[in-house]
Protein backbone atom coordinates (compact mmCIF):
# COMPACT_ATOMS: atom_id res chain seq x y z
CA MET A 1 -39.91 -22.59 -22.43
CA ALA A 2 -43.25 -20.90 -22.99
CA ALA A 3 -44.79 -19.05 -20.07
CA THR A 4 -48.03 -20.38 -18.71
CA GLY A 5 -51.13 -18.36 -17.95
CA PRO A 6 -53.58 -18.53 -15.04
CA GLN A 7 -55.19 -21.82 -16.10
CA GLY A 8 -51.87 -23.45 -17.04
CA ARG A 9 -52.28 -22.68 -20.74
CA ALA A 10 -49.23 -21.58 -22.69
CA GLU A 11 -49.14 -17.84 -23.29
CA ARG A 12 -48.27 -16.65 -26.77
CA ARG A 13 -45.11 -14.63 -27.09
CA ASN A 14 -45.31 -11.58 -29.29
CA ALA A 15 -43.35 -11.32 -32.53
CA GLY A 16 -40.79 -8.97 -30.99
CA GLU A 17 -40.01 -11.45 -28.21
CA LEU A 18 -39.67 -14.29 -30.69
CA GLU A 19 -37.42 -12.23 -32.95
CA SER A 20 -35.22 -11.39 -29.95
CA GLU A 21 -35.01 -15.06 -28.96
CA VAL A 22 -34.09 -16.10 -32.50
CA LEU A 23 -31.42 -13.39 -32.74
CA ALA A 24 -30.01 -14.42 -29.35
CA ALA A 25 -29.75 -18.02 -30.55
CA LEU A 26 -27.95 -16.88 -33.70
CA TRP A 27 -25.59 -14.61 -31.76
CA ALA A 28 -24.76 -17.48 -29.40
CA GLY A 29 -23.73 -19.71 -32.29
CA ASP A 30 -20.36 -19.63 -33.99
CA ARG A 31 -21.81 -20.46 -37.39
CA ALA A 32 -24.97 -20.07 -39.44
CA LEU A 33 -27.89 -22.13 -38.09
CA THR A 34 -30.74 -23.84 -39.90
CA PRO A 35 -34.31 -23.22 -38.74
CA ALA A 36 -34.31 -26.65 -37.08
CA GLU A 37 -31.12 -25.80 -35.17
CA VAL A 38 -32.60 -22.46 -34.07
CA GLN A 39 -35.77 -24.28 -32.99
CA ALA A 40 -33.71 -26.70 -30.87
CA GLU A 41 -31.64 -23.86 -29.40
CA ILE A 42 -34.70 -21.85 -28.35
CA GLY A 43 -36.78 -24.75 -27.08
CA GLY A 44 -40.11 -23.87 -25.52
CA GLY A 45 -42.22 -25.88 -27.90
CA LEU A 46 -42.06 -23.48 -30.85
CA ALA A 47 -43.18 -25.06 -34.09
CA TYR A 48 -40.66 -25.31 -36.91
CA ASN A 49 -42.94 -23.20 -39.13
CA THR A 50 -43.01 -20.44 -36.50
CA VAL A 51 -39.21 -20.36 -36.31
CA HIS A 52 -38.97 -20.35 -40.11
CA THR A 53 -41.48 -17.46 -40.32
CA ILE A 54 -39.53 -15.44 -37.75
CA LEU A 55 -36.29 -16.05 -39.64
CA LYS A 56 -37.96 -14.92 -42.88
CA ARG A 57 -39.20 -11.74 -41.19
CA LEU A 58 -35.73 -11.04 -39.79
CA TYR A 59 -34.27 -11.66 -43.26
CA ASP A 60 -36.81 -9.26 -44.83
CA LYS A 61 -35.79 -6.62 -42.25
CA GLY A 62 -32.11 -7.12 -43.09
CA LEU A 63 -31.31 -8.42 -39.60
CA VAL A 64 -30.16 -11.87 -40.70
CA LEU A 65 -28.39 -13.21 -43.75
CA ARG A 66 -29.29 -16.48 -45.43
CA ASP A 67 -26.56 -18.87 -46.52
CA ALA A 68 -27.58 -21.37 -49.18
CA ASP A 69 -26.73 -24.87 -48.01
CA GLY A 70 -28.02 -27.36 -50.53
CA ARG A 71 -31.80 -27.51 -50.12
CA ARG A 72 -31.67 -26.12 -46.59
CA GLY A 73 -30.95 -22.55 -45.69
CA ALA A 74 -28.86 -21.52 -42.75
CA TYR A 75 -29.13 -18.10 -41.15
CA ARG A 76 -26.61 -15.86 -39.41
CA PRO A 77 -26.98 -12.41 -37.89
CA ALA A 78 -26.24 -9.47 -40.17
CA LYS A 79 -25.04 -7.44 -37.15
CA ASN A 80 -23.84 -8.31 -33.69
CA ALA A 81 -25.89 -7.40 -30.63
CA ALA A 82 -23.92 -4.23 -29.88
CA GLU A 83 -24.28 -2.96 -33.45
CA LEU A 84 -28.02 -3.59 -33.46
CA THR A 85 -28.48 -1.88 -30.08
CA ALA A 86 -26.45 1.15 -31.18
CA GLU A 87 -28.50 1.38 -34.38
CA ALA A 88 -31.74 1.32 -32.37
CA MET A 89 -30.41 4.05 -30.08
CA HIS A 90 -29.53 6.25 -33.08
CA GLU A 91 -32.97 5.68 -34.60
CA ALA A 92 -34.63 6.61 -31.31
CA LEU A 93 -32.60 9.82 -31.11
CA ASP A 94 -33.48 10.67 -34.71
CA ARG A 95 -37.23 10.24 -34.02
CA GLY A 96 -37.40 12.59 -31.06
CA PRO A 97 -37.78 16.36 -31.26
CA ASP A 98 -34.80 17.05 -28.96
CA PRO A 99 -31.99 14.48 -29.18
CA ILE A 100 -29.78 16.40 -26.72
CA ALA A 101 -32.49 16.31 -24.03
CA ALA A 102 -32.96 12.60 -24.71
CA LEU A 103 -29.21 12.02 -24.29
CA GLN A 104 -29.26 13.98 -21.03
CA GLN A 105 -32.09 11.80 -19.72
CA PHE A 106 -30.29 8.67 -20.88
CA VAL A 107 -27.02 9.61 -19.19
CA THR A 108 -28.70 10.39 -15.86
CA GLY A 109 -29.98 6.80 -15.79
CA LEU A 110 -26.56 5.17 -16.27
CA SER A 111 -25.00 3.05 -13.57
CA PRO A 112 -21.62 4.26 -12.23
CA GLU A 113 -19.88 1.54 -14.27
CA GLU A 114 -21.73 2.53 -17.47
CA GLU A 115 -20.97 6.22 -16.83
CA ARG A 116 -17.27 5.42 -16.33
CA ALA A 117 -17.19 3.41 -19.56
CA LEU A 118 -18.93 6.21 -21.47
CA ARG A 119 -16.44 8.79 -20.16
CA GLU A 120 -13.55 6.55 -21.25
CA LEU A 121 -15.08 6.10 -24.70
CA LEU A 122 -15.59 9.85 -25.10
CA ARG A 123 -11.95 10.50 -24.10
CA GLY A 124 -10.88 7.95 -26.68
CA ASP A 125 -9.58 5.44 -24.14
CA GLU A 126 -9.61 1.97 -25.66
CA ARG A 127 -9.85 -1.14 -23.54
């Protein structure tokens, strides 16, 4: 559902928010979805053309794959949420001048549960 502003008008979501919503809808599905199915999954009054444009942008970025299905196209994520998040973290580390300092700052902000999981991963413990 679209957020409303001070005078009750719908506020526009930015492209990043829309892309995230579309990816979340695709990740939640167990199969490729058509733009109309993504539109229905997201709700919030998004126009079909808006959903189709977002899917095309995600396709152009390599974040979704398009499956030909007769005249309609269905889309599925190219990576799962964890893979995409890890990729973004690596890119962020690569951009900064001191990746070790960035990792130190990141680790100090972890919850006890996240810290425990990271320690287990670094030891090679599989769950």
